[in-house]
Structure formats: C-alpha cells, structure tokens
C-alpha cells in the first residue's frame, strides 16, 4: 500500500489519534466516507450525462447545459457542507469576514 509498511501505518495512525482524539475520528471518517461516496455519484452522473449528449435528442426542449462544471461544483459543495464536520462553520465565518471586508471598503 503506497510502499508503506505496517510500522509506518501504525505510527501514522497513532499521530492521527493524538491530533484528532478518539471521539472525533469516527465523525471525521463518516464525513470523508460520505464525501467520497458523493464524488463517485457525481462522476457516474457526469458519465451518464456525457453518454446522453452523444445521443441525438428528439424533443424540442432546450437542454440546460449552460455550465455543467459549475453545476457539479455546486452539488459537491452542498454535499461536503452537509457531511464533513466543521466545514459549514468555516464557510459561515468566511461569509461574515467577506461582508465585513465589503463594509470596510
């Protein structure tokens, strides 16, 4: 596994345990697992969207493909905010800081 032996993995695990603590590890793992799951889901959606683009459409409705990258980024951002602990607080703090900067200008 990436050229790491069991000793190195054990040392890394001990360091992570010391940094985050035993109570936060399951919470962090759950959040990261959910984020990875969402990345895979978005990847599947993109690949299915790409295959639909190749097929000719017979409907006269315009497709909403203004900026698919921005759409994906928005979905991923929303899922990360939901699942990774602490990210929502950081994003809220960032918005407040941006408002203060705007007022100070």
N, C-alpha and C. Protein backbone atom coordinates (compact mmCIF):
# COMPACT_ATOMS: atom_id res chain seq x y z
N UNK A 1 0.84 -1.17 0.00
CA UNK A 1 0.00 0.00 0.00
C UNK A 1 0.89 1.24 0.00
N UNK A 2 1.12 1.81 -1.15
CA UNK A 2 1.91 3.02 -1.33
C UNK A 2 3.33 2.89 -0.78
N UNK A 3 3.84 1.68 -0.68
CA UNK A 3 5.18 1.48 -0.19
C UNK A 3 5.33 1.67 1.31
N UNK A 4 4.22 1.71 2.04
CA UNK A 4 4.29 1.86 3.48
C UNK A 4 4.14 0.50 4.14
N UNK A 5 4.99 0.26 5.09
CA UNK A 5 4.91 -0.99 5.82
C UNK A 5 3.99 -0.85 7.02
N UNK A 6 3.79 -1.95 7.74
CA UNK A 6 2.88 -1.90 8.88
C UNK A 6 3.38 -0.97 10.00
N UNK A 7 4.69 -0.84 10.14
CA UNK A 7 5.22 0.05 11.18
C UNK A 7 4.89 1.51 10.87
N UNK A 8 5.09 1.90 9.60
CA UNK A 8 4.79 3.27 9.22
C UNK A 8 3.30 3.57 9.36
N UNK A 9 2.44 2.63 8.95
CA UNK A 9 1.00 2.83 9.08
C UNK A 9 0.58 2.95 10.54
N UNK A 10 1.20 2.17 11.40
CA UNK A 10 0.91 2.23 12.83
C UNK A 10 1.30 3.59 13.41
N UNK A 11 2.46 4.09 13.02
CA UNK A 11 2.92 5.40 13.51
C UNK A 11 1.98 6.50 13.02
N UNK A 12 1.57 6.44 11.76
CA UNK A 12 0.63 7.43 11.22
C UNK A 12 -0.69 7.38 11.96
N UNK A 13 -1.17 6.17 12.26
CA UNK A 13 -2.43 6.02 12.99
C UNK A 13 -2.33 6.62 14.39
N UNK A 14 -1.23 6.41 15.06
CA UNK A 14 -1.02 6.97 16.40
C UNK A 14 -1.00 8.50 16.34
N UNK A 15 -0.32 9.06 15.35
CA UNK A 15 -0.24 10.52 15.21
C UNK A 15 -1.63 11.11 14.95
N UNK A 16 -2.39 10.47 14.06
CA UNK A 16 -3.75 10.94 13.77
C UNK A 16 -4.62 10.85 15.02
N UNK A 17 -4.48 9.79 15.77
CA UNK A 17 -5.24 9.62 17.01
C UNK A 17 -4.90 10.72 18.01
N UNK A 18 -3.62 11.06 18.11
CA UNK A 18 -3.21 12.11 19.03
C UNK A 18 -3.70 13.49 18.58
N UNK A 19 -3.70 13.73 17.29
CA UNK A 19 -4.11 15.04 16.79
C UNK A 19 -5.62 15.25 16.94
N UNK A 20 -6.40 14.28 16.49
CA UNK A 20 -7.85 14.47 16.45
C UNK A 20 -8.58 13.93 17.67
N UNK A 21 -8.02 12.97 18.35
CA UNK A 21 -8.68 12.40 19.50
C UNK A 21 -9.61 11.26 19.10
N UNK A 22 -9.89 10.40 20.05
CA UNK A 22 -10.68 9.20 19.77
C UNK A 22 -12.14 9.52 19.49
N UNK A 23 -12.66 10.60 20.06
CA UNK A 23 -14.07 10.93 19.87
C UNK A 23 -14.34 11.51 18.48
N UNK A 24 -13.39 12.19 17.90
CA UNK A 24 -13.60 12.84 16.60
C UNK A 24 -13.32 11.92 15.41
N UNK A 25 -12.54 10.87 15.60
CA UNK A 25 -12.17 10.01 14.48
C UNK A 25 -13.36 9.39 13.76
N UNK A 26 -14.35 8.80 14.46
CA UNK A 26 -15.50 8.24 13.73
C UNK A 26 -16.28 9.30 12.97
N UNK A 27 -16.39 10.47 13.55
CA UNK A 27 -17.10 11.57 12.90
C UNK A 27 -16.39 12.01 11.62
N UNK A 28 -15.09 12.13 11.70
CA UNK A 28 -14.30 12.52 10.53
C UNK A 28 -14.35 11.43 9.46
N UNK A 29 -14.23 10.18 9.87
CA UNK A 29 -14.31 9.07 8.92
C UNK A 29 -15.64 9.01 8.22
N UNK A 30 -16.72 9.23 8.96
CA UNK A 30 -18.05 9.22 8.37
C UNK A 30 -18.19 10.34 7.34
N UNK A 31 -17.70 11.51 7.69
CA UNK A 31 -17.78 12.65 6.78
C UNK A 31 -16.97 12.42 5.51
N UNK A 32 -15.76 11.92 5.67
CA UNK A 32 -14.91 11.65 4.50
C UNK A 32 -15.49 10.54 3.63
N UNK A 33 -16.04 9.51 4.27
CA UNK A 33 -16.66 8.43 3.51
C UNK A 33 -17.86 8.92 2.71
N UNK A 34 -18.66 9.77 3.32
CA UNK A 34 -19.80 10.34 2.61
C UNK A 34 -19.36 11.22 1.45
N UNK A 35 -18.30 11.99 1.66
CA UNK A 35 -17.80 12.86 0.59
C UNK A 35 -17.28 12.02 -0.58
N UNK A 36 -16.56 10.95 -0.28
CA UNK A 36 -16.05 10.07 -1.34
C UNK A 36 -17.21 9.44 -2.09
N UNK A 37 -18.23 9.02 -1.36
CA UNK A 37 -19.42 8.43 -1.97
C UNK A 37 -20.09 9.43 -2.93
N UNK A 38 -20.17 10.68 -2.50
CA UNK A 38 -20.78 11.71 -3.34
C UNK A 38 -19.94 11.99 -4.58
N UNK A 39 -18.61 12.00 -4.43
CA UNK A 39 -17.75 12.20 -5.60
C UNK A 39 -17.99 11.09 -6.62
N UNK A 40 -18.11 9.87 -6.16
CA UNK A 40 -18.37 8.75 -7.07
C UNK A 40 -19.72 8.91 -7.75
N UNK A 41 -20.73 9.34 -6.98
CA UNK A 41 -22.07 9.52 -7.54
C UNK A 41 -22.06 10.61 -8.61
N UNK A 42 -21.37 11.72 -8.34
CA UNK A 42 -21.30 12.80 -9.31
C UNK A 42 -20.56 12.34 -10.56
N UNK A 43 -19.53 11.54 -10.36
CA UNK A 43 -18.77 11.02 -11.51
C UNK A 43 -19.67 10.15 -12.37
N UNK A 44 -20.51 9.32 -11.75
CA UNK A 44 -21.44 8.49 -12.52
C UNK A 44 -22.44 9.36 -13.26
N UNK A 45 -22.95 10.42 -12.59
CA UNK A 45 -23.90 11.32 -13.24
C UNK A 45 -23.26 12.01 -14.43
N UNK A 46 -22.02 12.43 -14.29
CA UNK A 46 -21.34 13.08 -15.40
C UNK A 46 -21.13 12.14 -16.56
N UNK A 47 -20.75 10.90 -16.26
CA UNK A 47 -20.53 9.95 -17.35
C UNK A 47 -21.85 9.61 -18.03
N UNK A 48 -22.94 9.55 -17.28
CA UNK A 48 -24.24 9.30 -17.91
C UNK A 48 -24.69 10.52 -18.70
N UNK A 49 -24.38 11.74 -18.22
CA UNK A 49 -24.70 12.95 -18.97
C UNK A 49 -23.93 13.00 -20.28
N UNK A 50 -22.65 12.58 -20.22
CA UNK A 50 -21.84 12.57 -21.44
C UNK A 50 -22.41 11.59 -22.47
N UNK A 51 -22.88 10.43 -22.01
CA UNK A 51 -23.44 9.47 -22.95
C UNK A 51 -24.76 9.98 -23.53
N UNK A 52 -25.51 10.77 -22.75
CA UNK A 52 -26.74 11.34 -23.25
C UNK A 52 -26.46 12.45 -24.26
N UNK A 53 -25.37 13.15 -24.12
CA UNK A 53 -25.01 14.20 -25.08
C UNK A 53 -24.73 13.62 -26.45
N UNK A 54 -24.17 12.42 -26.48
CA UNK A 54 -23.84 11.79 -27.75
C UNK A 54 -25.10 11.40 -28.51
N UNK A 55 -26.13 10.95 -27.78
CA UNK A 55 -27.37 10.54 -28.41
C UNK A 55 -28.10 11.77 -28.93
N UNK A 56 -28.68 11.70 -30.14
CA UNK A 56 -29.45 12.84 -30.63
C UNK A 56 -30.77 12.95 -29.87
N UNK A 57 -31.16 14.17 -29.56
CA UNK A 57 -32.41 14.37 -28.84
C UNK A 57 -33.52 14.65 -29.83
N UNK A 58 -34.69 14.08 -29.58
CA UNK A 58 -35.82 14.26 -30.48
C UNK A 58 -36.80 15.29 -29.95
N UNK A 59 -36.63 15.73 -28.70
CA UNK A 59 -37.53 16.73 -28.15
C UNK A 59 -37.08 18.12 -28.56
N UNK A 60 -38.01 19.04 -28.58
CA UNK A 60 -37.68 20.40 -28.97
C UNK A 60 -37.30 21.26 -27.78
N UNK A 61 -37.29 20.69 -26.57
CA UNK A 61 -36.92 21.44 -25.38
C UNK A 61 -35.42 21.68 -25.35
N UNK A 62 -35.01 22.90 -25.05
CA UNK A 62 -33.57 23.15 -24.93
C UNK A 62 -33.02 22.49 -23.68
N UNK A 63 -31.82 21.97 -23.79
CA UNK A 63 -31.19 21.34 -22.64
C UNK A 63 -30.50 22.39 -21.81
N UNK A 64 -30.52 22.21 -20.50
CA UNK A 64 -29.90 23.15 -19.59
C UNK A 64 -28.46 22.74 -19.33
N UNK A 65 -27.57 23.12 -20.25
CA UNK A 65 -26.16 22.78 -20.12
C UNK A 65 -25.31 24.04 -20.21
N UNK A 66 -25.74 25.07 -19.51
CA UNK A 66 -25.01 26.33 -19.55
C UNK A 66 -23.59 26.16 -19.06
N UNK A 67 -23.44 25.57 -17.90
CA UNK A 67 -22.11 25.35 -17.35
C UNK A 67 -22.15 24.11 -16.46
N UNK A 68 -21.93 22.93 -17.04
CA UNK A 68 -22.02 21.71 -16.24
C UNK A 68 -20.98 21.63 -15.14
N UNK A 69 -19.82 22.26 -15.32
CA UNK A 69 -18.78 22.22 -14.29
C UNK A 69 -19.25 22.97 -13.05
N UNK A 70 -19.88 24.13 -13.24
CA UNK A 70 -20.37 24.89 -12.10
C UNK A 70 -21.47 24.13 -11.38
N UNK A 71 -22.30 23.41 -12.13
CA UNK A 71 -23.37 22.61 -11.54
C UNK A 71 -22.78 21.51 -10.65
N UNK A 72 -21.76 20.86 -11.14
CA UNK A 72 -21.11 19.79 -10.38
C UNK A 72 -20.44 20.35 -9.14
N UNK A 73 -19.77 21.48 -9.30
CA UNK A 73 -19.10 22.09 -8.15
C UNK A 73 -20.12 22.47 -7.08
N UNK A 74 -21.27 22.97 -7.49
CA UNK A 74 -22.30 23.34 -6.53
C UNK A 74 -22.83 22.12 -5.79
N UNK A 75 -23.05 21.01 -6.52
CA UNK A 75 -23.53 19.78 -5.88
C UNK A 75 -22.51 19.26 -4.86
N UNK A 76 -21.25 19.23 -5.27
CA UNK A 76 -20.21 18.71 -4.39
C UNK A 76 -20.07 19.61 -3.16
N UNK A 77 -20.13 20.92 -3.36
CA UNK A 77 -20.03 21.85 -2.23
C UNK A 77 -21.16 21.61 -1.23
N UNK A 78 -22.38 21.45 -1.74
CA UNK A 78 -23.51 21.21 -0.85
C UNK A 78 -23.35 19.92 -0.07
N UNK A 79 -22.90 18.87 -0.72
CA UNK A 79 -22.74 17.58 -0.03
C UNK A 79 -21.63 17.64 1.01
N UNK A 80 -20.54 18.32 0.68
CA UNK A 80 -19.44 18.44 1.64
C UNK A 80 -19.91 19.23 2.85
N UNK A 81 -20.66 20.31 2.61
CA UNK A 81 -21.18 21.10 3.72
C UNK A 81 -22.07 20.27 4.62
N UNK A 82 -22.83 19.34 4.05
CA UNK A 82 -23.72 18.50 4.84
C UNK A 82 -22.97 17.45 5.65
N UNK A 83 -21.91 16.90 5.09
CA UNK A 83 -21.34 15.68 5.65
C UNK A 83 -20.03 15.85 6.42
N UNK A 84 -19.20 16.79 6.06
CA UNK A 84 -17.92 16.92 6.73
C UNK A 84 -18.08 17.87 7.93
N UNK A 85 -17.75 17.41 9.12
CA UNK A 85 -17.96 18.24 10.32
C UNK A 85 -17.06 19.48 10.31
N UNK A 86 -17.64 20.59 10.69
CA UNK A 86 -16.88 21.81 10.83
C UNK A 86 -16.80 22.66 9.58
N UNK A 87 -17.08 22.12 8.41
CA UNK A 87 -16.94 22.87 7.18
C UNK A 87 -18.00 23.97 7.10
N UNK A 88 -19.21 23.67 7.55
CA UNK A 88 -20.28 24.66 7.49
C UNK A 88 -19.94 25.86 8.37
N UNK A 89 -19.38 25.61 9.54
CA UNK A 89 -19.00 26.71 10.43
C UNK A 89 -17.92 27.58 9.77
N UNK A 90 -16.97 26.94 9.12
CA UNK A 90 -15.90 27.68 8.46
C UNK A 90 -16.46 28.51 7.31
N UNK A 91 -17.37 27.94 6.54
CA UNK A 91 -17.97 28.67 5.42
C UNK A 91 -18.79 29.85 5.92
N UNK A 92 -19.53 29.68 7.01
CA UNK A 92 -20.29 30.78 7.59
C UNK A 92 -19.36 31.89 8.07
N UNK A 93 -18.27 31.51 8.70
CA UNK A 93 -17.29 32.50 9.18
C UNK A 93 -16.68 33.25 8.00
N UNK A 94 -16.40 32.54 6.91
CA UNK A 94 -15.83 33.17 5.72
C UNK A 94 -16.81 34.18 5.13
N UNK A 95 -18.10 33.84 5.09
CA UNK A 95 -19.10 34.77 4.57
C UNK A 95 -19.15 36.03 5.43
N UNK A 96 -19.08 35.86 6.76
CA UNK A 96 -19.10 37.02 7.65
C UNK A 96 -17.87 37.90 7.44
N UNK A 97 -16.71 37.28 7.27
CA UNK A 97 -15.49 38.03 7.04
C UNK A 97 -15.58 38.79 5.72
N UNK A 98 -16.13 38.16 4.68
CA UNK A 98 -16.29 38.83 3.40
C UNK A 98 -17.23 40.03 3.52
N UNK A 99 -18.32 39.88 4.30
CA UNK A 99 -19.23 41.00 4.50
C UNK A 99 -18.54 42.15 5.21
N UNK A 100 -17.74 41.83 6.23
CA UNK A 100 -17.01 42.87 6.96
C UNK A 100 -16.02 43.58 6.03
N UNK A 101 -15.31 42.82 5.20
CA UNK A 101 -14.37 43.42 4.25
C UNK A 101 -15.09 44.36 3.29
N UNK A 102 -16.28 43.93 2.85
CA UNK A 102 -17.08 44.73 1.92
C UNK A 102 -17.52 46.03 2.59
N UNK A 103 -17.91 45.95 3.86
CA UNK A 103 -18.36 47.14 4.59
C UNK A 103 -17.19 48.10 4.82
N UNK A 104 -16.01 47.56 5.13
CA UNK A 104 -14.84 48.38 5.42
C UNK A 104 -14.35 49.12 4.18
N UNK A 105 -14.55 48.57 3.01
CA UNK A 105 -14.07 49.21 1.77
C UNK A 105 -14.70 50.51 1.57
